[in-house]
Amino acid sequence: EHPAAVPEHALTGQSFTGINVLLLWQAAKRYSLNSNRWLTGDDLRQAGGTVIPGQKPVTLVRYRPALSLMKVINLAQCEGLPDALQP
């Protein structure tokens, strides 16, 4: 796992696409994140993890069925996750 790899959803393994790839690469570089795997807030809560205090999510664009926004957080910005989700 490397931050320059195509960003993917940590639970499904599905790669992000389009402008979201660029947004996530930019965030990984800006915040020196060592993982290319990301979760939504709901996913993070369901996995039993929490965001490390002071860490901020990245806002992405979603096009289904209309334009909307969603926020994701990098695994390197989380704590308390199961071993399978550790960066």
C-alpha atoms as a PDB file:
ATOM      1  CA  GLU A   1       0.000   0.000   0.000  1.00  0.00           C
ATOM      2  CA  HIS A   2       1.457   3.319  -1.076  1.00  0.00           C
ATOM      3  CA  PRO A   3      -0.111   6.792  -1.100  1.00  0.00           C
ATOM      4  CA  ALA A   4       0.782   7.256  -4.795  1.00  0.00           C
ATOM      5  CA  ALA A   5      -1.193   4.124  -5.722  1.00  0.00           C
ATOM      6  CA  VAL A   6      -4.737   4.638  -6.995  1.00  0.00           C
ATOM      7  CA  PRO A   7      -6.865   5.551  -3.953  1.00  0.00           C
ATOM      8  CA  GLU A   8      -9.347   2.870  -2.945  1.00  0.00           C
ATOM      9  CA  HIS A   9     -12.200   2.309  -0.524  1.00  0.00           C
ATOM     10  CA  ALA A  10     -10.710   0.440   2.437  1.00  0.00           C
ATOM     11  CA  LEU A  11     -13.625  -1.979   2.877  1.00  0.00           C
ATOM     12  CA  THR A  12     -14.596  -2.766  -0.713  1.00  0.00           C
ATOM     13  CA  GLY A  13     -11.267  -2.328  -2.491  1.00  0.00           C
ATOM     14  CA  GLN A  14     -13.079  -0.317  -5.158  1.00  0.00           C
ATOM     15  CA  SER A  15     -10.851   2.334  -6.736  1.00  0.00           C
ATOM     16  CA  PHE A  16     -11.913   5.956  -6.689  1.00  0.00           C
ATOM     17  CA  THR A  17     -12.209   7.530 -10.143  1.00  0.00           C
ATOM     18  CA  GLY A  18     -12.097  10.855 -11.947  1.00  0.00           C
ATOM     19  CA  ILE A  19     -11.387  14.081 -10.088  1.00  0.00           C
ATOM     20  CA  ASN A  20     -11.608  12.209  -6.773  1.00  0.00           C
ATOM     21  CA  VAL A  21      -8.314  10.431  -7.529  1.00  0.00           C
ATOM     22  CA  LEU A  22      -6.591  13.797  -7.895  1.00  0.00           C
ATOM     23  CA  LEU A  23      -8.227  15.186  -4.746  1.00  0.00           C
ATOM     24  CA  LEU A  24      -7.120  12.161  -2.704  1.00  0.00           C
ATOM     25  CA  TRP A  25      -3.562  12.172  -4.106  1.00  0.00           C
ATOM     26  CA  GLN A  26      -3.311  15.872  -3.267  1.00  0.00           C
ATOM     27  CA  ALA A  27      -4.548  15.282   0.297  1.00  0.00           C
ATOM     28  CA  ALA A  28      -2.197  12.317   0.803  1.00  0.00           C
ATOM     29  CA  LYS A  29       0.761  14.429  -0.286  1.00  0.00           C
ATOM     30  CA  ARG A  30      -0.282  17.539   1.667  1.00  0.00           C
ATOM     31  CA  TYR A  31      -0.804  15.641   4.923  1.00  0.00           C
ATOM     32  CA  SER A  32       2.021  13.077   4.415  1.00  0.00           C
ATOM     33  CA  LEU A  33      -0.401  10.143   4.616  1.00  0.00           C
ATOM     34  CA  ASN A  34       1.129   6.685   4.156  1.00  0.00           C
ATOM     35  CA  SER A  35      -1.996   4.897   2.915  1.00  0.00           C
ATOM     36  CA  ASN A  36      -4.026   4.923  -0.299  1.00  0.00           C
ATOM     37  CA  ARG A  37      -7.082   3.487   1.520  1.00  0.00           C
ATOM     38  CA  TRP A  38     -10.016   5.678   2.571  1.00  0.00           C
ATOM     39  CA  LEU A  39     -13.303   5.329   4.510  1.00  0.00           C
ATOM     40  CA  THR A  40     -16.456   7.370   4.912  1.00  0.00           C
ATOM     41  CA  GLY A  41     -17.434   8.449   8.417  1.00  0.00           C
ATOM     42  CA  ASP A  42     -20.185   5.818   8.525  1.00  0.00           C
ATOM     43  CA  ASP A  43     -17.730   3.094   7.468  1.00  0.00           C
ATOM     44  CA  LEU A  44     -15.270   4.218  10.125  1.00  0.00           C
ATOM     45  CA  ARG A  45     -17.908   4.094  12.883  1.00  0.00           C
ATOM     46  CA  GLN A  46     -19.122   0.648  11.743  1.00  0.00           C
ATOM     47  CA  ALA A  47     -15.527  -0.627  11.844  1.00  0.00           C
ATOM     48  CA  GLY A  48     -15.208   0.625  15.424  1.00  0.00           C
ATOM     49  CA  GLY A  49     -12.582   3.273  14.687  1.00  0.00           C
ATOM     50  CA  THR A  50     -12.333   6.970  15.359  1.00  0.00           C
ATOM     51  CA  VAL A  51     -10.637   9.913  13.678  1.00  0.00           C
ATOM     52  CA  ILE A  52      -7.411  10.991  15.347  1.00  0.00           C
ATOM     53  CA  PRO A  53      -8.061  14.397  16.963  1.00  0.00           C
ATOM     54  CA  GLY A  54      -7.165  17.256  14.621  1.00  0.00           C
ATOM     55  CA  GLN A  55      -7.409  15.176  11.435  1.00  0.00           C
ATOM     56  CA  LYS A  56      -9.768  16.426   8.717  1.00  0.00           C
ATOM     57  CA  PRO A  57     -11.703  14.500   6.040  1.00  0.00           C
ATOM     58  CA  VAL A  58     -11.405  15.155   2.307  1.00  0.00           C
ATOM     59  CA  THR A  59     -14.513  16.242   0.411  1.00  0.00           C
ATOM     60  CA  LEU A  60     -15.141  14.253  -2.778  1.00  0.00           C
ATOM     61  CA  VAL A  61     -17.649  14.581  -5.610  1.00  0.00           C
ATOM     62  CA  ARG A  62     -20.286  11.915  -6.256  1.00  0.00           C
ATOM     63  CA  TYR A  63     -22.362  11.860  -9.449  1.00  0.00           C
ATOM     64  CA  ARG A  64     -25.134   9.366  -8.643  1.00  0.00           C
ATOM     65  CA  PRO A  65     -27.951  10.164  -9.521  1.00  0.00           C
ATOM     66  CA  ALA A  66     -27.178  13.865  -9.183  1.00  0.00           C
ATOM     67  CA  LEU A  67     -24.108  15.759  -8.094  1.00  0.00           C
ATOM     68  CA  SER A  68     -23.476  15.464  -4.353  1.00  0.00           C
ATOM     69  CA  LEU A  69     -20.531  15.632  -1.990  1.00  0.00           C
ATOM     70  CA  MET A  70     -19.166  13.067   0.449  1.00  0.00           C
ATOM     71  CA  LYS A  71     -16.339  13.152   2.958  1.00  0.00           C
ATOM     72  CA  VAL A  72     -13.719  10.434   3.397  1.00  0.00           C
ATOM     73  CA  ILE A  73     -10.886   9.934   5.865  1.00  0.00           C
ATOM     74  CA  ASN A  74      -7.565   8.156   5.272  1.00  0.00           C
ATOM     75  CA  LEU A  75      -6.759   5.073   7.359  1.00  0.00           C
ATOM     76  CA  ALA A  76      -3.583   6.829   8.529  1.00  0.00           C
ATOM     77  CA  GLN A  77      -5.836   9.455  10.148  1.00  0.00           C
ATOM     78  CA  CYS A  78      -7.751   6.868  12.204  1.00  0.00           C
ATOM     79  CA  GLU A  79      -7.219   4.851  15.345  1.00  0.00           C
ATOM     80  CA  GLY A  80      -8.913   1.866  16.948  1.00  0.00           C
ATOM     81  CA  LEU A  81      -9.473   0.006  13.673  1.00  0.00           C
ATOM     82  CA  PRO A  82      -9.365  -3.795  13.371  1.00  0.00           C
ATOM     83  CA  ASP A  83      -6.015  -5.241  12.249  1.00  0.00           C
ATOM     84  CA  ALA A  84      -7.380  -5.936   8.755  1.00  0.00           C
ATOM     85  CA  LEU A  85      -7.836  -2.188   8.246  1.00  0.00           C
ATOM     86  CA  GLN A  86      -4.515  -1.011   9.670  1.00  0.00           C
ATOM     87  CA  PRO A  87      -2.461   1.059   7.187  1.00  0.00           C
END
